[in-house]
Protein backbone atom coordinates (compact mmCIF):
# COMPACT_ATOMS: atom_id res chain seq x y z
CA UNK A 1 176.82 11.61 125.35
CA UNK A 2 178.01 14.72 123.56
CA UNK A 3 175.81 17.02 121.48
CA UNK A 4 176.73 15.41 118.16
CA UNK A 5 175.79 11.97 119.40
CA UNK A 6 172.50 13.33 120.77
CA UNK A 7 171.56 14.76 117.36
CA UNK A 8 172.24 11.47 115.59
CA UNK A 9 170.41 9.54 118.32
CA UNK A 10 167.30 11.73 117.93
CA UNK A 11 167.25 11.00 114.20
CA UNK A 12 167.57 7.28 114.85
CA UNK A 13 164.61 7.58 117.22
CA UNK A 14 162.62 9.04 114.32
CA UNK A 15 163.56 6.02 112.21
CA UNK A 16 162.52 3.76 115.11
CA UNK A 17 159.15 5.49 115.20
CA UNK A 18 158.77 4.57 111.53
CA UNK A 19 159.34 0.91 112.40
CA UNK A 20 156.74 1.07 115.17
CA UNK A 21 154.14 2.69 112.89
CA UNK A 22 154.91 0.13 110.19
CA UNK A 23 154.42 -2.79 112.61
CA UNK A 24 151.11 -1.35 113.82
CA UNK A 25 150.03 -1.02 110.22
CA UNK A 26 150.82 -4.67 109.63
CA UNK A 27 149.09 -5.79 112.82
CA UNK A 28 145.89 -3.92 112.00
CA UNK A 29 146.18 -4.90 108.32
CA UNK A 30 146.07 -1.27 107.21
CA UNK A 31 148.28 -0.78 104.18
CA UNK A 32 148.07 3.00 104.45
CA UNK A 33 149.46 3.04 107.98
CA UNK A 34 152.20 0.59 107.00
CA UNK A 35 153.17 2.78 104.05
CA UNK A 36 153.30 5.87 106.27
CA UNK A 37 155.55 3.90 108.64
CA UNK A 38 157.90 3.02 105.79
CA UNK A 39 157.93 6.66 104.74
CA UNK A 40 158.84 7.80 108.26
CA UNK A 41 161.54 5.13 108.47
CA UNK A 42 163.12 6.20 105.17
CA UNK A 43 162.87 9.88 106.11
CA UNK A 44 164.53 9.22 109.48
CA UNK A 45 167.34 7.18 107.95
CA UNK A 46 168.02 9.79 105.28
CA UNK A 47 168.10 12.58 107.87
CA UNK A 48 170.45 10.52 110.03
CA UNK A 49 172.78 9.94 107.09
CA UNK A 50 172.86 13.58 106.00
CA UNK A 51 173.24 14.99 109.52
CA UNK A 52 176.05 12.54 110.20
CA UNK A 53 177.81 13.68 107.01
CA UNK A 54 177.39 17.36 107.99
CA UNK A 55 178.82 16.66 111.44
CA UNK A 56 181.81 14.87 109.89
CA UNK A 57 182.44 17.85 107.58
CA UNK A 58 182.30 20.23 110.55
CA UNK A 59 184.89 18.14 112.39
CA UNK A 60 187.39 18.55 109.53
């Protein structure tokens, strides 16, 4: 795996952490934890998208 793929993979791991926190929030019926999980998921996906776009621009 090259460095660019590692960066994108790390951001996807952050999004995966959001899914895990969200599921725990649902299991324990804590809306606050579930909302934090959704926030982490959205933040991770947005960072993945923007970093991927920056990497594509650098390749040009």
